[in-house]
Amino acid sequence: MRAWPGLVLAPVLALANLYVLYALVPAACTLGKAWILHATAALFLLLTLAITAISWQAFRAARAELLPLVSLWSGAFFSLVVVAQWAAPLFLGPCAH
């Protein structure tokens, strides 16, 4: 069953991305290195896209079953969530108060 990563890991990674970005903001601000936030968000985006690709393969192999379809949409949705979370450090910077 290759549909579970899109259902379980994609939301967990999106939530972990949010926590890690918040935790890294003080360090990125004091060091003046915003690339830390961008690298972290890019890493989590790549992970969620990889999970979406796995879900896509499961969907293609399963032919019209519901669980792989939901897994595919979940992976795609949480990839967009990670992109939306990346927008804040991209436009505001780490020291914006």
Protein backbone atom coordinates (compact mmCIF):
# COMPACT_ATOMS: atom_id res chain seq x y z
CA MET A 1 0.00 0.00 0.00
CA ARG A 2 1.79 3.07 -1.27
CA ALA A 3 -1.04 5.50 -0.60
CA TRP A 4 -0.34 6.13 3.08
CA PRO A 5 2.58 8.61 2.71
CA GLY A 6 0.32 11.17 1.08
CA LEU A 7 -2.27 10.72 3.78
CA VAL A 8 0.02 10.73 6.81
CA LEU A 9 3.47 12.10 6.02
CA ALA A 10 2.47 15.08 3.86
CA PRO A 11 0.44 16.79 6.64
CA VAL A 12 3.10 15.93 9.21
CA LEU A 13 5.80 17.47 7.02
CA ALA A 14 3.75 20.63 6.46
CA LEU A 15 3.28 20.99 10.22
CA ALA A 16 6.96 20.27 10.87
CA ASN A 17 7.90 22.90 8.28
CA LEU A 18 5.88 25.50 10.15
CA TYR A 19 7.49 24.62 13.50
CA VAL A 20 11.02 24.49 12.12
CA LEU A 21 10.65 27.81 10.30
CA TYR A 22 9.36 29.49 13.47
CA ALA A 23 12.19 27.99 15.48
CA LEU A 24 14.83 29.20 13.01
CA VAL A 25 13.62 32.80 12.73
CA PRO A 26 15.53 34.16 15.77
CA ALA A 27 18.76 32.52 14.62
CA ALA A 28 18.30 33.74 11.04
CA CYS A 29 17.61 37.26 12.28
CA THR A 30 20.59 37.49 14.64
CA LEU A 31 22.97 35.96 12.11
CA GLY A 32 21.50 37.92 9.21
CA LYS A 33 21.20 34.78 7.11
CA ALA A 34 17.76 34.41 5.59
CA TRP A 35 18.97 31.60 3.36
CA ILE A 36 18.55 29.24 6.32
CA LEU A 37 14.79 29.74 6.16
CA HIS A 38 14.70 29.37 2.39
CA ALA A 39 16.77 26.18 2.46
CA THR A 40 14.52 24.68 5.13
CA ALA A 41 11.35 25.51 3.23
CA ALA A 42 12.84 24.18 -0.01
CA LEU A 43 13.80 20.93 1.72
CA PHE A 44 10.30 20.41 3.07
CA LEU A 45 8.81 21.30 -0.30
CA LEU A 46 10.99 18.70 -2.01
CA LEU A 47 9.94 16.10 0.55
CA THR A 48 6.23 16.79 0.09
CA LEU A 49 6.64 16.76 -3.70
CA ALA A 50 8.39 13.40 -3.46
CA ILE A 51 5.49 12.08 -1.40
CA THR A 52 3.08 13.43 -4.00
CA ALA A 53 5.03 11.60 -6.72
CA ILE A 54 4.76 8.36 -4.74
CA SER A 55 1.02 8.97 -4.41
CA TRP A 56 0.79 9.62 -8.15
CA GLN A 57 2.42 6.25 -8.86
CA ALA A 58 0.03 4.53 -6.46
CA PHE A 59 -2.91 6.27 -8.14
CA ARG A 60 -1.81 5.19 -11.61
CA ALA A 61 -1.35 1.59 -10.47
CA ALA A 62 -4.66 1.38 -8.59
CA ARG A 63 -7.06 2.37 -11.41
CA ALA A 64 -10.02 4.29 -10.01
CA GLU A 65 -9.70 3.50 -6.32
CA LEU A 66 -10.57 6.21 -3.84
CA LEU A 67 -7.71 5.96 -1.32
CA PRO A 68 -4.88 6.58 -3.82
CA LEU A 69 -6.83 9.52 -5.24
CA VAL A 70 -7.28 11.08 -1.81
CA SER A 71 -3.60 10.45 -1.10
CA LEU A 72 -2.64 12.23 -4.32
CA TRP A 73 -4.80 15.26 -3.55
CA SER A 74 -3.56 15.36 0.03
CA GLY A 75 0.06 15.35 -1.10
CA ALA A 76 -0.62 18.09 -3.64
CA PHE A 77 -2.55 20.19 -1.13
CA PHE A 78 0.13 20.02 1.54
CA SER A 79 2.80 20.83 -1.04
CA LEU A 80 0.86 24.04 -1.66
CA VAL A 81 0.65 24.60 2.09
CA VAL A 82 4.45 24.44 2.31
CA VAL A 83 4.70 26.95 -0.56
CA ALA A 84 2.31 29.26 1.30
CA GLN A 85 4.38 28.92 4.47
CA TRP A 86 7.49 29.79 2.47
CA ALA A 87 5.86 33.03 1.30
CA ALA A 88 6.23 34.72 4.69
CA PRO A 89 10.04 34.54 4.94
CA LEU A 90 10.30 35.18 1.21
CA PHE A 91 8.45 38.50 1.29
CA LEU A 92 8.97 39.69 4.87
CA GLY A 93 12.44 38.52 5.82
CA PRO A 94 13.51 37.06 9.15
CA CYS A 95 13.66 40.33 11.12
CA ALA A 96 10.27 41.80 10.20
CA HIS A 97 8.29 42.61 13.34
